[in-house]
Amino acid sequence: MNINETPVFAGTSGYNYDDWKGTFAPEKSLNYDLLTHYVKSGFNFLELTYTFYRLPIAEKIAGILDRAGDGMKLSIRLTKSLMRKNPDRAEIAAFKEGIAPAAERGGLAALFADFHHLFTASRENFDILVSLRDSFPETPLFIELTNSTWHKASYYEKFKSAGIGLCVVDGPSFKGFAPYHPICSGGGVYFRLYGKNPAWISAADRFLDYSYSDGELKKFVSDARDVSVMAKNIFFSFCNVEKGNAPKDALRLMEIIGK
C-alpha cells in the first residue's frame, strides 16, 4: 500500500480492548484472540502502548511478532520514566533489550513518545526531546506534543533539523490543544487520530468515542499525499479506540487508499 510510491502503514493504538468485542471482533472473543482477529483483518501496522507503563520484555515482544507475522510493523511507545531530563541509562539499555526482537526481525518501524499536555515549549524541554532522539539513533522516533506552544514555524524547523519526527495530531479543538498540521519531519509522516468527540473540551478529559466520516478520511489521505514527497514512510494510527471505532476507521482508510 503506497501513496505517491511512499509505503503506508495503517492500524490502531493498541488492540486489547473489551469494548471491541461485538463491535469489531466477534462478541465472544477471548482477549488473547483480539490480536488474531486484528491480524486477519489485514492491518500492517500496530502501536504497542502498554510499554508506557512498564519496560518491554523481549519474550513478550517476540510472542506478539510470532502471532502477527512478518507483514506487521510495530511502533513501540517509550516508557514514561525515559521521558524526562537525564533518564537512567540502565533503563534505556533495558528498553533496547526488550524491543530487540522487533529490531532484529525487521518488525520495528518506529518508536513514539506522547508527552503530557502540560509539557510546554522551552529550551530545556526541547533538549529532553533531542536527548531522546540521541538515545535511539537506530530507529525513527516520533514525538506527540499536544500543547499548542510547540506548534510554531520556528519549532517545526528545529524538529526537522534535529531529526525528530513530530506526530500529526487530529483531536479536540479546545484552546491550547495542538492544531492539526500535516508535517514530515524525522524522515516520515506520522498521523495520530483521536477524533473530535464534542464532549472533549479540556485537557483533563479524554473522549475517544468518535467515528470518522469518509470525507475526513479522504482529507487525511490527501494531506499525506501533499507531504509525502520527502517521506520514507507514512503511518496512520487511529487512537479513537472506544467501541471499536479505530479499527473500523483504519480499514476504511485503507480501502480509500487502495482505490
Protein backbone atom coordinates (compact mmCIF):
# COMPACT_ATOMS: atom_id res chain seq x y z
CA MET A 1 0.00 0.00 0.00
CA ASN A 2 1.50 3.29 -1.13
CA ILE A 3 0.82 6.99 -1.52
CA ASN A 4 3.00 8.57 -4.19
CA GLU A 5 5.22 5.48 -4.02
CA THR A 6 5.74 6.05 -0.28
CA PRO A 7 4.89 2.98 1.83
CA VAL A 8 1.81 3.42 4.04
CA PHE A 9 1.26 1.64 7.34
CA ALA A 10 -2.18 1.86 8.94
CA GLY A 11 -3.51 0.47 12.19
CA THR A 12 -4.56 1.35 15.71
CA SER A 13 -3.18 2.43 19.04
CA GLY A 14 -3.26 -0.86 20.92
CA TYR A 15 -5.53 -3.81 20.22
CA ASN A 16 -6.69 -5.29 23.53
CA TYR A 17 -9.95 -3.53 24.37
CA ASP A 18 -13.00 -5.21 25.88
CA ASP A 19 -15.43 -2.97 24.01
CA TRP A 20 -14.05 -4.20 20.67
CA LYS A 21 -15.86 -7.46 21.35
CA GLY A 22 -19.12 -7.29 19.48
CA THR A 23 -18.20 -4.03 17.73
CA PHE A 24 -15.10 -5.04 15.78
CA ALA A 25 -14.23 -8.58 16.88
CA PRO A 26 -16.73 -11.39 17.49
CA GLU A 27 -18.68 -10.80 20.69
CA LYS A 28 -17.44 -13.90 22.49
CA SER A 29 -13.77 -13.34 21.64
CA LEU A 30 -11.19 -14.01 24.32
CA ASN A 31 -8.70 -11.22 24.99
CA TYR A 32 -5.99 -13.45 23.51
CA ASP A 33 -7.95 -13.72 20.26
CA LEU A 34 -8.20 -9.95 19.70
CA LEU A 35 -4.71 -9.81 18.19
CA THR A 36 -5.51 -12.78 15.95
CA HIS A 37 -8.63 -11.02 14.68
CA TYR A 38 -6.66 -7.80 14.20
CA VAL A 39 -4.06 -9.54 12.05
CA LYS A 40 -6.65 -11.43 9.99
CA SER A 41 -8.42 -8.14 9.25
CA GLY A 42 -5.47 -7.12 7.11
CA PHE A 43 -3.66 -4.47 9.12
CA ASN A 44 0.06 -3.95 8.51
CA PHE A 45 0.77 -1.65 11.48
CA LEU A 46 0.21 -1.66 15.23
CA GLU A 47 1.17 0.66 18.05
CA LEU A 48 2.19 -1.18 21.22
CA THR A 49 1.15 1.14 24.04
CA TYR A 50 1.49 -0.92 27.21
CA THR A 51 5.23 -0.20 27.25
CA PHE A 52 4.46 3.30 28.55
CA TYR A 53 3.77 1.78 31.97
CA ARG A 54 6.49 -0.87 32.13
CA LEU A 55 9.63 -1.74 30.27
CA PRO A 56 9.16 -4.15 27.38
CA ILE A 57 10.19 -7.78 27.81
CA ALA A 58 11.89 -9.40 24.84
CA GLU A 59 9.94 -12.66 25.17
CA LYS A 60 6.58 -10.84 25.01
CA ILE A 61 7.60 -8.73 22.02
CA ALA A 62 8.79 -11.87 20.25
CA GLY A 63 5.48 -13.57 21.04
CA ILE A 64 3.49 -10.70 19.55
CA LEU A 65 5.63 -10.83 16.41
CA ASP A 66 5.20 -14.60 16.15
CA ARG A 67 1.43 -14.17 16.16
CA ALA A 68 1.34 -11.06 13.98
CA GLY A 69 3.51 -12.43 11.18
CA ASP A 70 6.20 -10.88 9.03
CA GLY A 71 3.89 -8.35 7.38
CA MET A 72 3.18 -6.46 10.62
CA LYS A 73 5.22 -3.40 11.54
CA LEU A 74 5.29 -2.13 15.12
CA SER A 75 5.59 1.30 16.64
CA ILE A 76 6.52 0.95 20.30
CA ARG A 77 5.68 3.56 22.93
CA LEU A 78 8.53 4.77 25.12
CA THR A 79 8.31 4.02 28.82
CA LYS A 80 7.36 7.17 30.78
CA SER A 81 10.45 7.02 33.01
CA LEU A 82 12.59 7.66 29.90
CA MET A 83 10.70 10.85 29.01
CA ARG A 84 12.41 13.15 31.47
CA LYS A 85 15.65 15.00 31.92
CA ASN A 86 18.67 12.72 32.35
CA PRO A 87 16.88 9.35 32.20
CA ASP A 88 18.56 6.33 33.75
CA ARG A 89 20.99 4.88 31.17
CA ALA A 90 20.37 1.39 32.52
CA GLU A 91 16.64 1.80 31.79
CA ILE A 92 17.42 2.92 28.25
CA ALA A 93 19.55 -0.19 27.80
CA ALA A 94 16.77 -2.35 29.26
CA PHE A 95 14.23 -0.82 26.87
CA LYS A 96 16.51 -1.55 23.90
CA GLU A 97 16.98 -5.11 25.11
CA GLY A 98 13.22 -5.54 25.41
CA ILE A 99 12.47 -4.37 21.86
CA ALA A 100 15.45 -6.17 20.34
CA PRO A 101 13.37 -9.00 18.79
CA ALA A 102 11.37 -6.44 16.78
CA ALA A 103 14.52 -4.63 15.65
CA GLU A 104 16.35 -7.84 14.75
CA ARG A 105 13.42 -9.31 12.82
CA GLY A 106 12.62 -6.18 10.83
CA GLY A 107 9.33 -5.59 12.60
CA LEU A 108 10.22 -2.32 14.31
CA ALA A 109 9.08 0.62 12.18
CA ALA A 110 9.26 3.40 14.76
CA LEU A 111 9.30 4.46 18.37
CA PHE A 112 6.94 7.11 19.69
CA ALA A 113 6.59 9.19 22.83
CA ASP A 114 3.43 11.07 23.75
CA PHE A 115 4.07 13.84 26.25
CA HIS A 116 1.57 15.20 28.76
CA HIS A 117 -0.47 18.22 27.65
CA LEU A 118 1.30 20.34 30.30
CA PHE A 119 4.69 19.70 28.68
CA THR A 120 5.19 23.16 27.22
CA ALA A 121 7.71 24.52 24.75
CA SER A 122 11.01 25.64 26.26
CA ARG A 123 14.70 25.23 25.54
CA GLU A 124 15.05 22.80 28.46
CA ASN A 125 12.16 20.66 27.26
CA PHE A 126 13.41 20.71 23.68
CA ASP A 127 16.73 19.41 24.98
CA ILE A 128 14.83 16.47 26.51
CA LEU A 129 13.47 15.63 23.06
CA VAL A 130 16.92 15.86 21.49
CA SER A 131 18.32 13.62 24.22
CA LEU A 132 15.64 11.04 23.45
CA ARG A 133 16.47 11.21 19.77
CA ASP A 134 20.14 10.67 20.57
CA SER A 135 19.33 7.72 22.84
CA PHE A 136 17.66 5.80 20.00
CA PRO A 137 19.60 6.71 16.85
CA GLU A 138 18.89 3.41 15.09
CA THR A 139 15.10 3.82 14.89
CA PRO A 140 12.81 6.63 13.67
CA LEU A 141 11.46 8.47 16.72
CA PHE A 142 8.20 10.41 16.66
CA ILE A 143 7.01 12.75 19.39
CA GLU A 144 3.41 13.69 20.15
CA LEU A 145 3.15 17.19 21.63
CA THR A 146 -0.43 18.25 22.27
CA ASN A 147 0.41 21.57 23.93
CA SER A 148 -0.05 24.27 21.31
CA THR A 149 3.08 26.20 22.39
CA TRP A 150 5.18 23.74 20.35
CA HIS A 151 3.29 24.35 17.15
CA LYS A 152 5.11 27.25 15.60
CA ALA A 153 7.14 27.51 12.41
CA SER A 154 10.36 28.04 14.36
CA TYR A 155 9.92 24.77 16.27
CA TYR A 156 8.89 22.87 13.15
CA GLU A 157 12.25 23.80 11.64
CA LYS A 158 14.06 22.74 14.81
CA PHE A 159 12.36 19.34 14.74
CA LYS A 160 13.40 18.81 11.13
CA SER A 161 16.99 19.91 11.83
CA ALA A 162 17.26 17.61 14.85
CA GLY A 163 15.79 14.62 13.01
CA ILE A 164 12.85 14.44 15.41
CA GLY A 165 9.58 13.24 13.96
CA LEU A 166 6.60 15.32 15.06
CA CYS A 167 3.30 13.48 15.18
CA VAL A 168 0.43 14.99 13.21
CA VAL A 169 -2.40 15.07 15.74
CA ASP A 170 -6.10 15.26 14.95
CA GLY A 171 -8.13 15.80 18.07
CA PRO A 172 -10.31 18.20 20.03
CA SER A 173 -10.36 21.89 19.27
CA PHE A 174 -10.27 23.43 22.74
CA LYS A 175 -7.89 26.32 23.38
CA GLY A 176 -4.30 25.22 23.93
CA PHE A 177 -4.57 21.87 22.16
CA ALA A 178 -2.26 21.18 19.23
CA PRO A 179 -3.57 22.23 15.83
CA TYR A 180 -3.87 19.71 13.04
CA HIS A 181 -0.79 20.45 10.93
CA PRO A 182 0.49 17.80 8.50
CA ILE A 183 4.29 17.82 8.52
CA CYS A 184 7.10 15.49 7.50
CA SER A 185 9.99 15.52 9.95
CA GLY A 186 12.30 12.80 11.16
CA GLY A 187 12.06 11.14 7.76
CA GLY A 188 8.38 10.27 7.90
CA VAL A 189 4.79 11.38 8.36
CA TYR A 190 3.03 10.00 11.44
CA PHE A 191 -0.68 10.67 11.96
CA ARG A 192 -2.25 10.01 15.36
CA LEU A 193 -6.01 10.40 15.03
CA TYR A 194 -8.13 10.80 18.16
CA GLY A 195 -11.39 12.08 16.70
CA LYS A 196 -13.36 15.14 17.64
CA ASN A 197 -15.88 13.98 20.21
CA PRO A 198 -17.76 17.18 21.21
CA ALA A 199 -17.63 16.15 24.88
CA TRP A 200 -13.82 16.51 24.87
CA ILE A 201 -13.48 20.14 25.92
CA SER A 202 -10.43 20.19 28.19
CA ALA A 203 -7.06 18.55 28.77
CA ALA A 204 -8.40 16.90 31.90
CA ASP A 205 -10.70 14.67 29.85
CA ARG A 206 -10.30 12.24 27.00
CA PHE A 207 -13.26 11.07 24.97
CA LEU A 208 -12.33 8.60 22.24
CA ASP A 209 -15.78 7.57 21.02
CA TYR A 210 -15.72 9.06 17.53
CA SER A 211 -16.21 7.66 14.06
CA TYR A 212 -14.55 9.46 11.16
CA SER A 213 -16.58 10.20 8.04
CA ASP A 214 -15.37 9.25 4.57
CA GLY A 215 -14.80 12.93 3.89
CA GLU A 216 -12.50 13.25 6.89
CA LEU A 217 -10.59 10.10 5.97
CA LYS A 218 -10.14 11.27 2.39
CA LYS A 219 -8.69 14.55 3.67
CA PHE A 220 -6.09 12.66 5.73
CA VAL A 221 -5.09 10.73 2.61
CA SER A 222 -4.91 13.94 0.57
CA ASP A 223 -2.83 15.68 3.24
CA ALA A 224 -0.49 12.69 3.46
CA ARG A 225 -0.04 12.85 -0.31
CA ASP A 226 0.87 16.54 -0.08
CA VAL A 227 3.67 15.96 2.45
CA SER A 228 4.84 12.55 1.23
CA VAL A 229 7.49 13.69 -1.22
CA MET A 230 10.38 13.52 1.27
CA ALA A 231 8.88 10.83 3.50
CA LYS A 232 10.34 7.34 3.79
CA ASN A 233 7.13 6.06 5.38
CA ILE A 234 3.62 7.25 6.20
CA PHE A 235 1.98 5.99 9.39
CA PHE A 236 -1.68 6.23 10.35
CA SER A 237 -2.52 5.32 13.94
CA PHE A 238 -6.18 5.55 14.90
CA CYS A 239 -6.49 6.40 18.59
CA ASN A 240 -10.31 6.70 18.69
CA VAL A 241 -10.37 3.28 20.26
CA GLU A 242 -13.70 3.27 22.09
CA LYS A 243 -16.41 0.91 20.80
CA GLY A 244 -14.21 -0.42 18.00
CA ASN A 245 -14.16 2.84 16.05
CA ALA A 246 -10.40 2.83 15.49
CA PRO A 247 -10.05 -0.46 13.58
CA LYS A 248 -13.16 0.19 11.51
CA ASP A 249 -11.90 3.64 10.51
CA ALA A 250 -8.41 2.31 9.78
CA LEU A 251 -9.82 -0.38 7.48
CA ARG A 252 -11.94 2.18 5.65
CA LEU A 253 -8.91 4.45 5.21
CA MET A 254 -7.01 1.53 3.70
CA GLU A 255 -9.88 0.95 1.27
CA ILE A 256 -9.79 4.61 0.25
CA ILE A 257 -6.04 4.47 -0.37
CA GLY A 258 -6.49 1.26 -2.36
CA LYS A 259 -8.94 2.96 -4.68
